[in-house]
PDB file of all heavy atoms in Angstrom:
ATOM      1  N   ALA A   1      -0.249 -20.269  -1.882  1.00  0.00           N
ATOM      2  CA  ALA A   1      -1.035 -19.250  -1.415  1.00  0.00           C
ATOM      3  C   ALA A   1      -1.935 -18.856  -2.512  1.00  0.00           C
ATOM      4  O   ALA A   1      -1.481 -18.892  -3.678  1.00  0.00           O
ATOM      5  CB  ALA A   1      -0.123 -18.075  -0.926  1.00  0.00           C
ATOM      6  N   LEU A   2      -3.225 -18.389  -2.149  1.00  0.00           N
ATOM      7  CA  LEU A   2      -4.170 -18.063  -3.235  1.00  0.00           C
ATOM      8  C   LEU A   2      -4.629 -16.689  -2.782  1.00  0.00           C
ATOM      9  O   LEU A   2      -4.945 -16.414  -1.616  1.00  0.00           O
ATOM     10  CB  LEU A   2      -5.314 -18.959  -3.233  1.00  0.00           C
ATOM     11  CG  LEU A   2      -6.564 -18.526  -3.984  1.00  0.00           C
ATOM     12  CD1 LEU A   2      -6.243 -18.539  -5.578  1.00  0.00           C
ATOM     13  CD2 LEU A   2      -7.781 -19.365  -3.735  1.00  0.00           C
ATOM     14  N   GLU A   3      -4.717 -15.752  -3.721  1.00  0.00           N
ATOM     15  CA  GLU A   3      -5.100 -14.396  -3.508  1.00  0.00           C
ATOM     16  C   GLU A   3      -6.068 -13.942  -4.537  1.00  0.00           C
ATOM     17  O   GLU A   3      -5.882 -14.188  -5.705  1.00  0.00           O
ATOM     18  CB  GLU A   3      -3.829 -13.475  -3.546  1.00  0.00           C
ATOM     19  CG  GLU A   3      -4.048 -12.195  -2.909  1.00  0.00           C
ATOM     20  CD  GLU A   3      -3.886 -12.140  -1.417  1.00  0.00           C
ATOM     21  OE1 GLU A   3      -2.934 -12.815  -0.970  1.00  0.00           O
ATOM     22  OE2 GLU A   3      -4.680 -11.436  -0.726  1.00  0.00           O
ATOM     23  N   ILE A   4      -7.232 -13.253  -4.161  1.00  0.00           N
ATOM     24  CA  ILE A   4      -8.068 -12.653  -5.104  1.00  0.00           C
ATOM     25  C   ILE A   4      -7.889 -11.148  -4.887  1.00  0.00           C
ATOM     26  O   ILE A   4      -8.115 -10.614  -3.737  1.00  0.00           O
ATOM     27  CB  ILE A   4      -9.558 -13.115  -4.893  1.00  0.00           C
ATOM     28  CG1 ILE A   4      -9.615 -14.547  -4.911  1.00  0.00           C
ATOM     29  CG2 ILE A   4     -10.470 -12.292  -5.798  1.00  0.00           C
ATOM     30  CD1 ILE A   4     -10.993 -15.133  -4.614  1.00  0.00           C
ATOM     31  N   THR A   5      -7.575 -10.421  -5.889  1.00  0.00           N
ATOM     32  CA  THR A   5      -7.263  -9.021  -5.760  1.00  0.00           C
ATOM     33  C   THR A   5      -8.525  -8.300  -5.456  1.00  0.00           C
ATOM     34  O   THR A   5      -9.660  -8.607  -5.791  1.00  0.00           O
ATOM     35  CB  THR A   5      -6.628  -8.452  -7.015  1.00  0.00           C
ATOM     36  OG1 THR A   5      -7.580  -8.550  -8.082  1.00  0.00           O
ATOM     37  CG2 THR A   5      -5.326  -9.041  -7.386  1.00  0.00           C
ATOM     38  N   THR A   6      -8.314  -7.148  -4.736  1.00  0.00           N
ATOM     39  CA  THR A   6      -9.511  -6.293  -4.468  1.00  0.00           C
ATOM     40  C   THR A   6      -9.514  -5.238  -5.540  1.00  0.00           C
ATOM     41  O   THR A   6      -8.679  -5.125  -6.438  1.00  0.00           O
ATOM     42  CB  THR A   6      -9.199  -5.453  -3.108  1.00  0.00           C
ATOM     43  OG1 THR A   6      -8.046  -4.691  -3.266  1.00  0.00           O
ATOM     44  CG2 THR A   6      -9.059  -6.372  -1.897  1.00  0.00           C
ATOM     45  N   ARG A   7     -10.621  -4.562  -5.597  1.00  0.00           N
ATOM     46  CA  ARG A   7     -10.843  -3.494  -6.694  1.00  0.00           C
ATOM     47  C   ARG A   7     -10.566  -2.118  -6.044  1.00  0.00           C
ATOM     48  O   ARG A   7     -11.026  -1.117  -6.655  1.00  0.00           O
ATOM     49  CB  ARG A   7     -12.273  -3.640  -7.189  1.00  0.00           C
ATOM     50  CG  ARG A   7     -12.455  -4.863  -7.922  1.00  0.00           C
ATOM     51  CD  ARG A   7     -13.597  -4.878  -8.796  1.00  0.00           C
ATOM     52  NE  ARG A   7     -13.612  -6.083  -9.618  1.00  0.00           N
ATOM     53  CZ  ARG A   7     -14.549  -6.496 -10.368  1.00  0.00           C
ATOM     54  NH1 ARG A   7     -15.670  -5.770 -10.403  1.00  0.00           N
ATOM     55  NH2 ARG A   7     -14.513  -7.615 -10.998  1.00  0.00           N
ATOM     56  N   CYS A   8      -9.872  -2.063  -5.002  1.00  0.00           N
ATOM     57  CA  CYS A   8      -9.460  -0.821  -4.400  1.00  0.00           C
ATOM     58  C   CYS A   8      -8.161  -0.357  -4.833  1.00  0.00           C
ATOM     59  O   CYS A   8      -7.157  -1.075  -4.840  1.00  0.00           O
ATOM     60  CB  CYS A   8      -9.472  -1.028  -2.836  1.00  0.00           C
ATOM     61  SG  CYS A   8      -9.002   0.470  -1.974  1.00  0.00           S
ATOM     62  N   GLY A   9      -8.005   0.889  -5.412  1.00  0.00           N
ATOM     63  CA  GLY A   9      -6.810   1.391  -5.935  1.00  0.00           C
ATOM     64  C   GLY A   9      -5.633   1.438  -4.960  1.00  0.00           C
ATOM     65  O   GLY A   9      -4.479   1.444  -5.257  1.00  0.00           O
ATOM     66  N   ASP A  10      -6.066   1.541  -3.706  1.00  0.00           N
ATOM     67  CA  ASP A  10      -5.044   1.659  -2.583  1.00  0.00           C
ATOM     68  C   ASP A  10      -4.255   0.355  -2.422  1.00  0.00           C
ATOM     69  O   ASP A  10      -3.154   0.483  -1.838  1.00  0.00           O
ATOM     70  CB  ASP A  10      -5.680   2.092  -1.277  1.00  0.00           C
ATOM     71  CG  ASP A  10      -6.213   3.504  -1.178  1.00  0.00           C
ATOM     72  OD1 ASP A  10      -5.924   4.288  -2.092  1.00  0.00           O
ATOM     73  OD2 ASP A  10      -7.100   3.748  -0.378  1.00  0.00           O
ATOM     74  N   THR A  11      -4.826  -0.674  -2.832  1.00  0.00           N
ATOM     75  CA  THR A  11      -4.059  -1.988  -2.673  1.00  0.00           C
ATOM     76  C   THR A  11      -3.289  -2.501  -3.843  1.00  0.00           C
ATOM     77  O   THR A  11      -2.768  -3.546  -3.848  1.00  0.00           O
ATOM     78  CB  THR A  11      -5.108  -3.132  -2.252  1.00  0.00           C
ATOM     79  OG1 THR A  11      -5.950  -3.222  -3.307  1.00  0.00           O
ATOM     80  CG2 THR A  11      -5.812  -2.658  -0.967  1.00  0.00           C
ATOM     81  N   ASN A  12      -3.259  -1.709  -4.929  1.00  0.00           N
ATOM     82  CA  ASN A  12      -2.634  -2.201  -6.100  1.00  0.00           C
ATOM     83  C   ASN A  12      -1.211  -2.540  -5.921  1.00  0.00           C
ATOM     84  O   ASN A  12      -0.868  -3.653  -6.356  1.00  0.00           O
ATOM     85  CB  ASN A  12      -2.670  -0.977  -7.235  1.00  0.00           C
ATOM     86  CG  ASN A  12      -2.180  -1.469  -8.523  1.00  0.00           C
ATOM     87  OD1 ASN A  12      -2.607  -2.452  -9.096  1.00  0.00           O
ATOM     88  ND2 ASN A  12      -1.201  -0.721  -9.087  1.00  0.00           N
ATOM     89  N   LYS A  13      -0.384  -1.755  -5.287  1.00  0.00           N
ATOM     90  CA  LYS A  13       1.055  -2.131  -5.054  1.00  0.00           C
ATOM     91  C   LYS A  13       1.163  -3.314  -4.216  1.00  0.00           C
ATOM     92  O   LYS A  13       1.941  -4.238  -4.359  1.00  0.00           O
ATOM     93  CB  LYS A  13       1.721  -0.898  -4.469  1.00  0.00           C
ATOM     94  CG  LYS A  13       3.205  -1.292  -4.216  1.00  0.00           C
ATOM     95  CD  LYS A  13       3.950  -0.075  -3.519  1.00  0.00           C
ATOM     96  CE  LYS A  13       5.394  -0.309  -3.199  1.00  0.00           C
ATOM     97  NZ  LYS A  13       5.660  -1.218  -2.092  1.00  0.00           N
ATOM     98  N   ARG A  14       0.355  -3.383  -3.082  1.00  0.00           N
ATOM     99  CA  ARG A  14       0.368  -4.482  -2.220  1.00  0.00           C
ATOM    100  C   ARG A  14       0.013  -5.806  -2.960  1.00  0.00           C
ATOM    101  O   ARG A  14       0.707  -6.817  -2.764  1.00  0.00           O
ATOM    102  CB  ARG A  14      -0.549  -4.265  -1.008  1.00  0.00           C
ATOM    103  CG  ARG A  14      -0.391  -5.363   0.052  1.00  0.00           C
ATOM    104  CD  ARG A  14      -1.269  -5.129   1.245  1.00  0.00           C
ATOM    105  NE  ARG A  14      -2.686  -5.061   0.931  1.00  0.00           N
ATOM    106  CZ  ARG A  14      -3.566  -4.247   1.435  1.00  0.00           C
ATOM    107  NH1 ARG A  14      -3.177  -3.283   2.286  1.00  0.00           N
ATOM    108  NH2 ARG A  14      -4.818  -4.251   1.080  1.00  0.00           N
ATOM    109  N   ASP A  15      -1.042  -5.770  -3.722  1.00  0.00           N
ATOM    110  CA  ASP A  15      -1.557  -6.997  -4.374  1.00  0.00           C
ATOM    111  C   ASP A  15      -0.615  -7.412  -5.494  1.00  0.00           C
ATOM    112  O   ASP A  15      -0.432  -8.658  -5.698  1.00  0.00           O
ATOM    113  CB  ASP A  15      -2.950  -6.775  -4.969  1.00  0.00           C
ATOM    114  CG  ASP A  15      -4.126  -6.822  -4.002  1.00  0.00           C
ATOM    115  OD1 ASP A  15      -3.795  -7.139  -2.862  1.00  0.00           O
ATOM    116  OD2 ASP A  15      -5.127  -6.415  -4.381  1.00  0.00           O
ATOM    117  N   ARG A  16       0.007  -6.557  -6.225  1.00  0.00           N
ATOM    118  CA  ARG A  16       0.750  -6.818  -7.442  1.00  0.00           C
ATOM    119  C   ARG A  16       2.216  -6.807  -7.247  1.00  0.00           C
ATOM    120  O   ARG A  16       2.924  -7.367  -8.170  1.00  0.00           O
ATOM    121  CB  ARG A  16       0.232  -5.971  -8.580  1.00  0.00           C
ATOM    122  CG  ARG A  16      -1.165  -6.371  -9.044  1.00  0.00           C
ATOM    123  CD  ARG A  16      -1.749  -5.307  -9.984  1.00  0.00           C
ATOM    124  NE  ARG A  16      -3.084  -5.776 -10.301  1.00  0.00           N
ATOM    125  CZ  ARG A  16      -4.155  -5.520  -9.540  1.00  0.00           C
ATOM    126  NH1 ARG A  16      -4.015  -4.933  -8.370  1.00  0.00           N
ATOM    127  NH2 ARG A  16      -5.303  -5.953  -9.868  1.00  0.00           N
ATOM    128  N   VAL A  17       2.702  -6.213  -6.269  1.00  0.00           N
ATOM    129  CA  VAL A  17       4.221  -6.059  -6.041  1.00  0.00           C
ATOM    130  C   VAL A  17       4.573  -6.688  -4.712  1.00  0.00           C
ATOM    131  O   VAL A  17       5.393  -7.600  -4.701  1.00  0.00           O
ATOM    132  CB  VAL A  17       4.628  -4.612  -6.101  1.00  0.00           C
ATOM    133  CG1 VAL A  17       6.127  -4.512  -5.822  1.00  0.00           C
ATOM    134  CG2 VAL A  17       4.334  -4.106  -7.485  1.00  0.00           C
ATOM    135  N   ASP A  18       4.038  -6.238  -3.613  1.00  0.00           N
ATOM    136  CA  ASP A  18       4.457  -6.714  -2.303  1.00  0.00           C
ATOM    137  C   ASP A  18       4.176  -8.168  -2.006  1.00  0.00           C
ATOM    138  O   ASP A  18       5.003  -8.847  -1.400  1.00  0.00           O
ATOM    139  CB  ASP A  18       3.844  -5.867  -1.232  1.00  0.00           C
ATOM    140  CG  ASP A  18       4.286  -4.309  -1.316  1.00  0.00           C
ATOM    141  OD1 ASP A  18       5.264  -4.024  -1.971  1.00  0.00           O
ATOM    142  OD2 ASP A  18       3.521  -3.529  -0.755  1.00  0.00           O
ATOM    143  N   LYS A  19       3.001  -8.571  -2.321  1.00  0.00           N
ATOM    144  CA  LYS A  19       2.595  -9.992  -1.977  1.00  0.00           C
ATOM    145  C   LYS A  19       3.448 -10.979  -2.664  1.00  0.00           C
ATOM    146  O   LYS A  19       3.840 -11.966  -2.044  1.00  0.00           O
ATOM    147  CB  LYS A  19       1.138 -10.183  -2.138  1.00  0.00           C
ATOM    148  CG  LYS A  19       0.314  -9.458  -1.057  1.00  0.00           C
ATOM    149  CD  LYS A  19      -1.122  -9.782  -1.099  1.00  0.00           C
ATOM    150  CE  LYS A  19      -1.831  -9.000  -0.048  1.00  0.00           C
ATOM    151  NZ  LYS A  19      -3.356  -9.236  -0.091  1.00  0.00           N
ATOM    152  N   PRO A  20       3.669 -10.891  -3.990  1.00  0.00           N
ATOM    153  CA  PRO A  20       4.515 -11.919  -4.661  1.00  0.00           C
ATOM    154  C   PRO A  20       5.900 -11.915  -4.071  1.00  0.00           C
ATOM    155  O   PRO A  20       6.474 -13.008  -3.951  1.00  0.00           O
ATOM    156  CB  PRO A  20       4.544 -11.432  -6.182  1.00  0.00           C
ATOM    157  CG  PRO A  20       3.279 -10.621  -6.324  1.00  0.00           C
ATOM    158  CD  PRO A  20       3.021  -9.943  -5.030  1.00  0.00           C
ATOM    159  N   ILE A  21       6.420 -10.739  -3.712  1.00  0.00           N
ATOM    160  CA  ILE A  21       7.785 -10.819  -3.163  1.00  0.00           C
ATOM    161  C   ILE A  21       7.730 -11.497  -1.722  1.00  0.00           C
ATOM    162  O   ILE A  21       8.526 -12.306  -1.441  1.00  0.00           O
ATOM    163  CB  ILE A  21       8.289  -9.380  -2.998  1.00  0.00           C
ATOM    164  CG1 ILE A  21       8.619  -8.831  -4.447  1.00  0.00           C
ATOM    165  CG2 ILE A  21       9.571  -9.317  -2.133  1.00  0.00           C
ATOM    166  CD1 ILE A  21       8.894  -7.347  -4.480  1.00  0.00           C
ATOM    167  N   GLY A  22       6.680 -11.107  -1.000  1.00  0.00           N
ATOM    168  CA  GLY A  22       6.573 -11.730   0.452  1.00  0.00           C
ATOM    169  C   GLY A  22       6.416 -13.194   0.345  1.00  0.00           C
ATOM    170  O   GLY A  22       7.057 -13.898   1.148  1.00  0.00           O
ATOM    171  N   TYR A  23       5.615 -13.731  -0.461  1.00  0.00           N
ATOM    172  CA  TYR A  23       5.367 -15.180  -0.581  1.00  0.00           C
ATOM    173  C   TYR A  23       6.573 -15.836  -1.133  1.00  0.00           C
ATOM    174  O   TYR A  23       6.975 -16.939  -0.668  1.00  0.00           O
ATOM    175  CB  TYR A  23       4.188 -15.477  -1.506  1.00  0.00           C
ATOM    176  CG  TYR A  23       2.807 -15.069  -0.885  1.00  0.00           C
ATOM    177  CD1 TYR A  23       1.908 -14.397  -1.740  1.00  0.00           C
ATOM    178  CD2 TYR A  23       2.518 -15.316   0.376  1.00  0.00           C
ATOM    179  CE1 TYR A  23       0.654 -14.040  -1.218  1.00  0.00           C
ATOM    180  CE2 TYR A  23       1.239 -14.937   0.883  1.00  0.00           C
ATOM    181  CZ  TYR A  23       0.407 -14.312   0.129  1.00  0.00           C
ATOM    182  OH  TYR A  23      -0.821 -13.956   0.621  1.00  0.00           O
ATOM    183  N   ALA A  24       7.291 -15.230  -2.070  1.00  0.00           N
ATOM    184  CA  ALA A  24       8.578 -15.914  -2.545  1.00  0.00           C
ATOM    185  C   ALA A  24       9.586 -15.906  -1.459  1.00  0.00           C
ATOM    186  O   ALA A  24      10.318 -16.757  -1.268  1.00  0.00           O
ATOM    187  CB  ALA A  24       9.049 -15.073  -3.767  1.00  0.00           C
TER     188      ALA A  24
END
């Protein structure tokens, strides 16, 4: 899976915490 983070502060937890857990 490839992800490019957004620059929106609202997505910080989703991009850096939730997605790695979900993909794993």
